[in-house]
Structure formats: C-alpha cells, structure tokens
Amino acid sequence: MAFKELKGKGHFPTLLASFLYFDFSFMVWLMLGPLAQEISDGMATPLTDGQIGTMIAVPIFAGALLRIVLGFSVDKIGAKTTALISQTLVVSALFYAYLFGFQSYEAVLIMGAILGLAGASFAVALPQAGQWYPPHLQGIVLGIAGAGNIGVVIDFIFAPKIAELWGWQMVFGIAGFLSLIILITYFIMAKDAPKEVYTPRPKKASDYLRLLKDKDTWWFSLFYAVSFGGFVGFAGYMKVYLMNQYSADMSMFGLDVLGEDNVRVVAGYFGAVCIFAGAVLRPIGGHFADRIGGVKSLYFFYGAVVFLAFFNVLFVDNFFLAIFVLFLIMANLGMANGAVFQLVPQRFGKDIGIMTGIIGASGGLGGSALATMLGYTKEATDSYDIGFMVFAGVVLVAIAGISFVKNRWRTTWGVQSGGKI
C-alpha cells in the first residue's frame, strides 16, 4: 500500500538518485576490507595483523565523525551541494589510488579517511529523500533510500575477483568510474526540496549539547554501537578473518585446487553471504520489534549474538560451520539495528534527525573499535578468540543496560509513545 502511495507524491528522481548515491557510497566506504590482503601483499613490507585491522577501521571511524560534519553541511548549504562536494573528493581519491597505488602505510590510512566521506553519505541521502515526502510516507521513503547498505555485499562479490584478474588497483579504477557515473546521474536527477515543500530547520551546536546531556542518548548510543558497530566491523574484517582463520581448512573441501588467489575469491563470496544477511534483515528486526517491543527484541537478538560468539570460540573448527555461525551473528546484528531504531523515534521523535546523526556516529565508532581489536588480538595472540570474547562481553554489558532502563522507559516516555517498548 505504501509503495502505491508514493505515486504522484514527492520527487521520485531524487529518491532514486539518493538510493544510488548511498548504495555506491556504502560500497566504496568498506572496500579496503575485501582488498586488505591484496594491498598488504603489494607493499614493500607486508602489513601486520594490527596494521590491517587499523586500515579497515579508519574508514569506519572517519565515516562516523564525518556524518555529523555532513549533517551540519546539509543544513548550511543544502544536501545536493554537500553530496556533490564530498563525492567529488571520493571519486578523485579512487582514481588517484588506481593511477599511483599506495607508496606507504600512511597513504593507505589517508585514503581510508577520505573514504569516510562515502560512509557519511547516510547523513545526506536520507534527509534529501525525506524532505520531499509527507510524514506518513517517511518510513517507506527512508527505507528505500537507506537500503543502500547492501552496497557492501557488492564489494565482497566482485572486488576479490577483479583483483585476481587485473590487480587490486583496477578495483579502485572501476569503483572510481562507476562512482563518477553515479555522481553525474545524481547531479542531473537530484533536487533539493523547495521551501513550499520543506522548511529547513537548521540544527545548532546547542541542540546536540542538549541531547548529549540526556542519559538515554548514551544508552541508545551503546546499543547501536553494539548492533551496527558489530555489523560494520565484522563486515569490513570478514574476508581477512576467513583467510587468516580458515585458508588451510579450505583444502579439506577441495578449494585448494583453485589456487591461493581463487581461495581469496571464494572467501569473498562466503563473506558476502554473511553480510547480506545482516543488510537485508534489518527491516525484519524492526517489524519484529513492532510486534513484541524493542526491548524484548534486543534481548533476543543480543542474547543470540553472545551465544554464537562463544560457540564460535569453543566449538567451531571448520570453515563451513564458521560460515553458518557468522551468517547467524550478522543476521541477528542486522535485526538488532532495526530494533534499536524502532525505539529511537518513540523516545526522540522531535529530535530524530539529530539523534540519527549521534547514534549513527556511535555505530561507526563501535565498528572501528571492533575491526581494530580483531587485528591487534590476532597479532598479539595469533588467534581471534579473545576478540570474539571481548565483543561478547560488550554485548552482555548492553543486555545489562537494557535490564537497567526498561522499567523506567516503560513507565515514563513509553506510556505516551504509541508503540511497544
């Protein structure tokens, strides 16, 4: 029904352009992950596990901080101008990497910071699409525009194979070319909503400070740092983890006949399957939360993640069982993302724009911390077990936090929220 209502409403070219912009930006944002081994092999001195973890974490960290920066920019100069400037910088960086490669580890980190602009596209694409549509269509509109997070799956499907055939620099060249096409398409199709359709309400620094003084802001930031941070952290590190942990085990299933490069391609394919689960099941998590309440949903999703993380450490000893467990971990993290944002609008309905930026930033910070931790625990212990156990411990802290706040939520703002808490 909601899809039918979109007909004749808003500005469909802008909605489509916002989706394409976000989809390809999300793809570019995390592309260092599936290319980490190839980039390391091409350096004069191969990168350590800790350096690889940091390399993967930098775009996630930068994207978290730049979401707030681009959010301010959207208020000041408009969504379209903000998108054109940031995306031009990203496209330029991609072509630079294609033409010149990386001469040092520091150059890789600079590239990662620029790719953070692509990750921050969330703060541009969603508001621009939403400005054109009435309140009762915001859910479906933002769902369409936000579906671009599926772009990371494209990385894991195509990047390793392209790198095998033509070298990792070609991946940056193709990404730059496709991003340039999307940039031109966006320039032609996207329009900022006129004043008669949307009245801008610029956010001020005082608005952020006011909300940062609210303790619920910090609780929601913790919950999203666990769910989205876990999803994006594992997504970025997935191929590296599979290669480091199970490349030898692949020979048990005949994958060694493909050669080392092709094993990397296979790891990318399996990683894409796991990431796909988390990306597409987010709306299911939101629907589940609508039915039984966000709190109960988070208990279920977080509890499953804790169980699966410890199960992975204690019992998983082969590649395909690991894929099954990782698939379930990513699925539950994706659904937890939907459950968190079933609660946020009920608590901060009047400040949802600002809260999306703050909570979204916390998710990125959580993801960068997870990717960095996985890299350095592997380097220090030659195992990922501690990394998984620490992550499970943080999820347990989030579960304890839910238990701490649920009664207060249900007896205060939850009474007037209109939804299930």
Protein backbone atom coordinates (compact mmCIF):
# COMPACT_ATOMS: atom_id res chain seq x y z
CA MET A 1 0.00 0.00 0.00
CA ALA A 2 2.78 2.42 0.92
CA PHE A 3 4.51 1.85 -2.42
CA LYS A 4 1.30 2.78 -4.25
CA GLU A 5 1.03 5.97 -2.21
CA LEU A 6 4.45 7.08 -3.44
CA LYS A 7 3.00 7.53 -6.93
CA GLY A 8 2.32 11.19 -7.53
CA LYS A 9 3.95 12.20 -4.25
CA GLY A 10 7.33 13.80 -3.64
CA HIS A 11 10.05 13.61 -6.29
CA PHE A 12 10.88 10.11 -7.44
CA PRO A 13 14.06 11.07 -9.39
CA THR A 14 15.53 12.45 -6.17
CA LEU A 15 14.53 9.32 -4.26
CA LEU A 16 16.18 7.12 -6.88
CA ALA A 17 19.28 9.32 -7.06
CA SER A 18 19.59 9.26 -3.25
CA PHE A 19 19.39 5.47 -3.23
CA LEU A 20 22.07 5.13 -5.93
CA TYR A 21 24.30 7.67 -4.22
CA PHE A 22 24.04 5.89 -0.87
CA ASP A 23 24.36 2.40 -2.36
CA PHE A 24 27.58 3.09 -4.24
CA SER A 25 28.94 5.22 -1.40
CA PHE A 26 28.42 2.37 1.06
CA MET A 27 30.17 0.05 -1.39
CA VAL A 28 33.16 2.38 -1.62
CA TRP A 29 33.23 3.04 2.12
CA LEU A 30 34.23 -0.51 3.10
CA MET A 31 36.23 -1.56 0.04
CA LEU A 32 39.54 -1.69 1.91
CA GLY A 33 38.27 -4.75 3.80
CA PRO A 34 37.94 -7.19 0.88
CA LEU A 35 41.20 -5.84 -0.61
CA ALA A 36 43.24 -5.80 2.61
CA GLN A 37 45.34 -8.88 1.84
CA GLU A 38 46.00 -7.79 -1.74
CA ILE A 39 47.03 -4.28 -0.67
CA SER A 40 49.29 -5.73 2.04
CA ASP A 41 50.98 -8.08 -0.43
CA GLY A 42 51.68 -5.15 -2.73
CA MET A 43 53.52 -3.12 -0.07
CA ALA A 44 57.31 -3.14 0.17
CA THR A 45 56.86 -4.60 3.66
CA PRO A 46 53.64 -6.59 4.20
CA LEU A 47 51.34 -5.15 6.84
CA THR A 48 51.00 -6.72 10.26
CA ASP A 49 47.64 -8.03 11.50
CA GLY A 50 47.32 -4.95 13.69
CA GLN A 51 48.02 -2.60 10.80
CA ILE A 52 45.46 -4.39 8.64
CA GLY A 53 42.86 -4.05 11.40
CA THR A 54 43.61 -0.33 11.69
CA MET A 55 43.48 0.10 7.90
CA ILE A 56 39.99 -1.43 7.85
CA ALA A 57 38.90 0.60 10.88
CA VAL A 58 39.94 4.06 9.64
CA PRO A 59 37.15 4.49 7.02
CA ILE A 60 34.58 3.31 9.57
CA PHE A 61 35.89 5.74 12.22
CA ALA A 62 36.14 8.64 9.77
CA GLY A 63 32.66 7.92 8.44
CA ALA A 64 31.25 8.08 11.97
CA LEU A 65 32.71 11.53 12.67
CA LEU A 66 32.01 12.92 9.20
CA ARG A 67 28.33 12.03 9.47
CA ILE A 68 27.94 14.87 11.94
CA VAL A 69 30.02 17.22 9.77
CA LEU A 70 27.98 16.48 6.65
CA GLY A 71 24.79 16.78 8.67
CA PHE A 72 25.73 20.36 9.56
CA SER A 73 26.69 21.00 5.94
CA VAL A 74 23.29 19.82 4.72
CA ASP A 75 21.68 22.46 6.95
CA LYS A 76 24.03 25.21 5.81
CA ILE A 77 24.48 24.70 2.05
CA GLY A 78 21.92 22.04 1.18
CA ALA A 79 22.00 18.29 0.64
CA LYS A 80 22.79 18.36 -3.06
CA THR A 81 25.77 20.70 -2.80
CA THR A 82 27.10 18.72 0.16
CA ALA A 83 26.81 15.46 -1.76
CA LEU A 84 28.49 16.85 -4.87
CA ILE A 85 31.47 18.20 -2.92
CA SER A 86 32.02 15.10 -0.78
CA GLN A 87 31.51 12.66 -3.64
CA THR A 88 33.90 14.60 -5.89
CA LEU A 89 36.60 14.17 -3.25
CA VAL A 90 35.87 10.44 -3.02
CA VAL A 91 35.97 9.94 -6.80
CA SER A 92 39.26 11.86 -7.03
CA ALA A 93 40.80 9.69 -4.32
CA LEU A 94 39.67 6.49 -6.05
CA PHE A 95 41.27 7.50 -9.35
CA TYR A 96 44.45 8.54 -7.53
CA ALA A 97 44.71 5.09 -5.94
CA TYR A 98 44.11 3.48 -9.35
CA LEU A 99 46.84 5.53 -11.07
CA PHE A 100 49.50 5.67 -8.35
CA GLY A 101 48.71 2.98 -5.79
CA PHE A 102 49.89 3.35 -2.20
CA GLN A 103 53.55 4.08 -1.56
CA SER A 104 53.29 3.78 2.22
CA TYR A 105 51.05 2.57 5.01
CA GLU A 106 50.31 6.20 5.89
CA ALA A 107 48.97 6.73 2.35
CA VAL A 108 46.55 3.85 2.88
CA LEU A 109 45.28 5.46 6.09
CA ILE A 110 44.78 8.81 4.34
CA MET A 111 42.80 7.01 1.66
CA GLY A 112 40.70 5.40 4.38
CA ALA A 113 39.95 8.78 5.93
CA ILE A 114 38.75 10.12 2.56
CA LEU A 115 36.59 7.03 2.07
CA GLY A 116 34.94 8.04 5.34
CA LEU A 117 33.17 10.74 3.31
CA ALA A 118 31.43 7.93 1.43
CA GLY A 119 30.32 6.35 4.70
CA ALA A 120 28.96 9.71 5.85
CA SER A 121 26.62 9.81 2.83
CA PHE A 122 23.95 8.41 5.17
CA ALA A 123 23.63 11.93 6.64
CA VAL A 124 22.95 13.37 3.18
CA ALA A 125 20.98 10.82 1.17
CA LEU A 126 18.28 10.08 3.74
CA PRO A 127 17.41 13.69 4.63
CA GLN A 128 17.36 14.71 0.98
CA ALA A 129 14.96 11.92 0.03
CA GLY A 130 12.78 12.51 3.09
CA GLN A 131 12.42 16.26 2.51
CA TRP A 132 10.17 15.65 -0.48
CA TYR A 133 7.60 13.37 1.20
CA PRO A 134 4.87 13.82 3.83
CA PRO A 135 5.27 12.38 7.36
CA HIS A 136 3.12 9.29 6.79
CA LEU A 137 5.45 8.15 3.96
CA GLN A 138 8.75 8.75 5.75
CA GLY A 139 9.17 5.12 6.79
CA ILE A 140 8.98 3.68 3.30
CA VAL A 141 10.96 6.56 1.76
CA LEU A 142 13.83 6.30 4.24
CA GLY A 143 13.69 2.52 3.92
CA ILE A 144 14.22 2.78 0.16
CA ALA A 145 16.98 5.36 0.42
CA GLY A 146 18.64 3.51 3.31
CA ALA A 147 18.59 0.16 1.50
CA GLY A 148 21.89 1.27 0.00
CA ASN A 149 23.77 -0.51 2.79
CA ILE A 150 23.52 -3.58 0.58
CA GLY A 151 26.37 -1.98 -1.40
CA VAL A 152 28.99 -3.61 0.82
CA VAL A 153 27.90 -7.01 -0.49
CA ILE A 154 28.96 -5.88 -3.97
CA ASP A 155 32.50 -5.36 -2.63
CA PHE A 156 32.86 -8.93 -1.46
CA ILE A 157 31.36 -10.44 -4.59
CA PHE A 158 33.35 -8.55 -7.21
CA ALA A 159 36.43 -6.91 -5.65
CA PRO A 160 38.47 -10.10 -4.97
CA LYS A 161 37.82 -11.44 -8.48
CA ILE A 162 38.73 -8.17 -10.17
CA ALA A 163 41.89 -8.01 -8.06
CA GLU A 164 42.78 -11.55 -9.10
CA LEU A 165 42.33 -10.81 -12.80
CA TRP A 166 43.76 -7.31 -13.14
CA GLY A 167 45.29 -6.33 -9.79
CA TRP A 168 43.85 -4.53 -6.80
CA GLN A 169 44.41 -1.05 -8.27
CA MET A 170 41.91 -1.86 -11.01
CA VAL A 171 39.24 -2.25 -8.32
CA PHE A 172 39.78 1.39 -7.40
CA GLY A 173 39.68 2.37 -11.06
CA ILE A 174 36.37 0.60 -11.68
CA ALA A 175 34.93 1.95 -8.43
CA GLY A 176 36.03 5.46 -9.45
CA PHE A 177 34.44 5.12 -12.89
CA LEU A 178 31.14 3.80 -11.50
CA SER A 179 31.10 6.44 -8.77
CA LEU A 180 31.68 9.14 -11.39
CA ILE A 181 28.68 7.88 -13.37
CA ILE A 182 26.56 7.92 -10.20
CA LEU A 183 27.82 11.43 -9.40
CA ILE A 184 26.75 12.69 -12.84
CA THR A 185 23.41 10.87 -12.52
CA TYR A 186 22.88 12.39 -9.10
CA PHE A 187 23.75 15.87 -10.40
CA ILE A 188 21.12 15.55 -13.14
CA MET A 189 18.33 13.83 -11.18
CA ALA A 190 18.52 15.02 -7.56
CA LYS A 191 16.95 18.25 -6.41
CA ASP A 192 16.70 19.90 -3.01
CA ALA A 193 13.08 20.28 -1.94
CA PRO A 194 11.69 23.79 -2.45
CA LYS A 195 10.55 25.85 0.55
CA GLU A 196 6.88 25.25 -0.18
CA VAL A 197 7.51 21.51 0.26
CA TYR A 198 10.07 21.51 3.05
CA THR A 199 11.01 24.18 5.57
CA PRO A 200 14.61 23.76 6.75
CA ARG A 201 15.19 23.73 10.49
CA PRO A 202 18.95 24.12 10.82
CA LYS A 203 20.49 22.26 13.74
CA LYS A 204 22.65 24.18 16.15
CA ALA A 205 25.53 23.02 18.32
CA SER A 206 23.32 23.73 21.34
CA ASP A 207 20.82 21.16 20.05
CA TYR A 208 23.49 18.47 20.11
CA LEU A 209 24.71 19.54 23.55
CA ARG A 210 21.18 19.42 24.94
CA LEU A 211 20.68 15.87 23.74
CA LEU A 212 24.11 14.75 24.87
CA LYS A 213 23.08 15.69 28.40
CA ASP A 214 20.21 13.20 28.19
CA LYS A 215 21.25 9.81 29.59
CA ASP A 216 19.04 7.96 27.12
CA THR A 217 21.17 9.33 24.29
CA TRP A 218 24.10 7.43 25.73
CA TRP A 219 22.11 4.24 26.25
CA PHE A 220 20.93 4.24 22.65
CA SER A 221 24.46 5.03 21.50
CA LEU A 222 25.72 1.97 23.38
CA PHE A 223 23.04 -0.27 21.90
CA TYR A 224 23.73 0.92 18.34
CA ALA A 225 27.50 0.77 18.84
CA VAL A 226 26.97 -2.93 19.59
CA SER A 227 24.50 -3.72 16.79
CA PHE A 228 25.58 -1.55 13.86
CA GLY A 229 29.16 -1.42 15.12
CA GLY A 230 29.23 -5.20 15.24
CA PHE A 231 27.71 -5.45 11.77
CA VAL A 232 30.01 -2.97 10.05
CA GLY A 233 33.10 -4.07 11.99
CA PHE A 234 32.64 -7.73 11.10
CA ALA A 235 31.64 -6.78 7.54
CA GLY A 236 34.85 -4.85 6.96
CA TYR A 237 37.02 -7.54 8.51
CA MET A 238 35.14 -10.59 7.19
CA LYS A 239 37.42 -11.63 4.31
CA VAL A 240 40.60 -11.08 6.34
CA TYR A 241 39.18 -13.20 9.16
CA LEU A 242 38.16 -16.04 6.87
CA MET A 243 41.52 -16.07 5.09
CA ASN A 244 43.59 -15.95 8.28
CA GLN A 245 41.50 -18.46 10.16
CA TYR A 246 40.36 -20.99 7.56
CA SER A 247 42.52 -20.84 4.42
CA ALA A 248 44.24 -24.09 5.44
CA ASP A 249 40.92 -25.75 6.24
CA MET A 250 39.57 -24.98 2.78
CA SER A 251 41.78 -27.75 1.40
CA MET A 252 39.54 -30.22 3.24
CA PHE A 253 36.76 -29.29 0.84
CA GLY A 254 38.81 -29.23 -2.35
CA LEU A 255 39.03 -25.46 -2.58
CA ASP A 256 42.84 -25.57 -2.65
CA VAL A 257 42.76 -26.72 -6.28
CA LEU A 258 41.68 -23.20 -7.19
CA GLY A 259 44.94 -21.68 -6.05
CA GLU A 260 45.58 -19.05 -3.40
CA ASP A 261 44.05 -16.14 -5.31
CA ASN A 262 40.89 -18.08 -6.06
CA VAL A 263 40.60 -19.13 -2.43
CA ARG A 264 40.54 -15.42 -1.65
CA VAL A 265 37.74 -15.01 -4.16
CA VAL A 266 35.80 -17.87 -2.51
CA ALA A 267 36.32 -16.26 0.91
CA GLY A 268 34.88 -13.06 -0.54
CA TYR A 269 31.81 -14.90 -1.82
CA PHE A 270 31.13 -16.57 1.51
CA GLY A 271 31.73 -13.29 3.32
CA ALA A 272 29.18 -11.63 1.05
CA VAL A 273 26.57 -14.21 2.05
CA CYS A 274 27.07 -13.41 5.74
CA ILE A 275 26.98 -9.64 5.19
CA PHE A 276 23.89 -9.94 3.00
CA ALA A 277 22.03 -11.49 5.93
CA GLY A 278 22.69 -8.51 8.18
CA ALA A 279 21.91 -5.98 5.45
CA VAL A 280 18.54 -7.32 4.31
CA LEU A 281 17.18 -8.48 7.68
CA ARG A 282 17.27 -5.06 9.32
CA PRO A 283 13.62 -4.32 8.36
CA ILE A 284 12.62 -7.74 9.74
CA GLY A 285 14.13 -6.76 13.07
CA GLY A 286 12.13 -3.54 13.05
CA HIS A 287 8.93 -5.43 12.24
CA PHE A 288 9.67 -7.97 14.99
CA ALA A 289 10.16 -5.08 17.43
CA ASP A 290 6.85 -3.53 16.36
CA ARG A 291 5.11 -6.80 17.25
CA ILE A 292 6.68 -7.66 20.62
CA GLY A 293 8.53 -4.47 21.60
CA GLY A 294 12.05 -3.22 21.05
CA VAL A 295 13.30 -4.27 24.48
CA LYS A 296 12.24 -7.91 24.13
CA SER A 297 13.62 -7.96 20.60
CA LEU A 298 17.01 -6.71 21.70
CA TYR A 299 17.12 -9.30 24.48
CA PHE A 300 16.59 -11.98 21.86
CA PHE A 301 18.97 -10.64 19.20
CA TYR A 302 21.77 -9.71 21.62
CA GLY A 303 21.39 -12.98 23.50
CA ALA A 304 21.75 -14.91 20.27
CA VAL A 305 24.90 -12.96 19.38
CA VAL A 306 26.50 -13.71 22.77
CA PHE A 307 25.71 -17.42 22.46
CA LEU A 308 27.00 -17.58 18.88
CA ALA A 309 30.19 -15.68 19.69
CA PHE A 310 31.12 -18.07 22.50
CA PHE A 311 30.02 -21.04 20.40
CA ASN A 312 32.39 -19.86 17.68
CA VAL A 313 35.29 -19.74 20.13
CA LEU A 314 34.59 -23.05 21.85
CA PHE A 315 33.25 -25.37 19.17
CA VAL A 316 33.77 -24.08 15.63
CA ASP A 317 36.71 -25.81 13.97
CA ASN A 318 35.90 -25.89 10.25
CA PHE A 319 35.18 -23.42 7.50
CA PHE A 320 31.56 -24.18 6.70
CA LEU A 321 30.43 -24.31 10.32
CA ALA A 322 32.14 -20.95 10.79
CA ILE A 323 30.23 -19.53 7.82
CA PHE A 324 26.96 -20.78 9.31
CA VAL A 325 27.72 -19.19 12.70
CA LEU A 326 28.89 -15.91 11.14
CA PHE A 327 25.76 -15.82 9.00
CA LEU A 328 23.62 -16.07 12.14
CA ILE A 329 25.71 -13.48 14.00
CA MET A 330 25.36 -10.98 11.17
CA ALA A 331 21.64 -11.73 10.79
CA ASN A 332 20.99 -11.04 14.48
CA LEU A 333 23.11 -7.88 14.45
CA GLY A 334 21.21 -6.63 11.41
CA MET A 335 17.86 -7.31 13.06
CA ALA A 336 19.09 -5.62 16.25
CA ASN A 337 19.77 -2.49 14.17
CA GLY A 338 16.12 -2.44 13.18
CA ALA A 339 15.01 -2.99 16.79
CA VAL A 340 17.12 -0.10 18.09
CA PHE A 341 15.56 2.27 15.57
CA GLN A 342 12.11 1.03 16.45
CA LEU A 343 12.73 2.55 19.90
CA VAL A 344 14.62 5.72 19.00
CA PRO A 345 11.74 7.57 17.25
CA GLN A 346 9.44 6.77 20.17
CA ARG A 347 11.86 8.39 22.63
CA PHE A 348 13.24 11.22 20.48
CA GLY A 349 10.51 11.80 17.90
CA LYS A 350 11.02 15.57 17.83
CA ASP A 351 14.79 15.25 17.52
CA ILE A 352 15.06 12.21 15.28
CA GLY A 353 17.30 13.97 12.76
CA ILE A 354 19.92 14.91 15.33
CA MET A 355 19.64 11.58 17.11
CA THR A 356 20.15 9.70 13.85
CA GLY A 357 23.45 11.53 13.46
CA ILE A 358 24.60 10.98 17.05
CA ILE A 359 23.56 7.34 17.24
CA GLY A 360 24.82 6.64 13.72
CA ALA A 361 28.19 8.07 14.69
CA SER A 362 28.32 5.81 17.75
CA GLY A 363 27.66 2.82 15.49
CA GLY A 364 30.61 3.76 13.31
CA LEU A 365 32.86 4.22 16.32
CA GLY A 366 31.86 0.79 17.59
CA GLY A 367 32.65 -0.75 14.21
CA SER A 368 36.10 0.84 14.03
CA ALA A 369 36.88 -0.35 17.55
CA LEU A 370 35.86 -3.92 16.68
CA ALA A 371 37.92 -4.07 13.48
CA THR A 372 40.97 -2.65 15.26
CA MET A 373 40.57 -5.06 18.18
CA LEU A 374 40.32 -8.09 15.89
CA GLY A 375 43.51 -7.11 14.14
CA TYR A 376 45.55 -6.50 17.25
CA THR A 377 44.30 -9.53 19.17
CA LYS A 378 45.27 -11.67 16.18
CA GLU A 379 48.71 -10.07 16.13
CA ALA A 380 49.21 -10.45 19.88
CA THR A 381 47.83 -13.95 20.38
CA ASP A 382 47.76 -15.46 16.87
CA SER A 383 44.06 -16.08 17.47
CA TYR A 384 40.75 -14.26 17.22
CA ASP A 385 39.30 -15.95 20.29
CA ILE A 386 39.95 -13.04 22.66
CA GLY A 387 38.47 -10.61 20.15
CA PHE A 388 35.23 -12.60 19.94
CA MET A 389 35.06 -12.99 23.72
CA VAL A 390 35.60 -9.27 24.31
CA PHE A 391 32.86 -8.47 21.81
CA ALA A 392 30.53 -10.94 23.53
CA GLY A 393 31.34 -9.25 26.83
CA VAL A 394 30.39 -5.84 25.42
CA VAL A 395 27.10 -7.31 24.18
CA LEU A 396 26.47 -8.63 27.69
CA VAL A 397 27.01 -5.10 29.02
CA ALA A 398 24.37 -3.89 26.54
CA ILE A 399 21.96 -6.59 27.76
CA ALA A 400 22.55 -5.48 31.35
CA GLY A 401 21.90 -1.91 30.23
CA ILE A 402 18.55 -2.90 28.74
CA SER A 403 17.59 -4.54 32.04
CA PHE A 404 18.60 -1.35 33.86
CA VAL A 405 16.49 1.05 31.77
CA LYS A 406 13.48 -0.98 30.64
CA ASN A 407 11.22 -0.29 33.64
CA ARG A 408 11.92 3.44 33.55
CA TRP A 409 11.30 3.55 29.80
CA ARG A 410 8.02 1.67 30.06
CA THR A 411 6.67 3.84 32.88
CA THR A 412 7.75 7.23 31.51
CA TRP A 413 8.01 8.08 27.81
CA GLY A 414 6.88 4.59 26.79
CA VAL A 415 3.39 5.28 28.13
CA GLN A 416 2.78 8.02 25.54
CA SER A 417 4.97 6.65 22.73
CA GLY A 418 2.20 4.87 20.86
CA GLY A 419 4.36 1.82 20.16
CA LYS A 420 5.51 -1.27 22.02
CA ILE A 421 8.54 -0.82 24.25
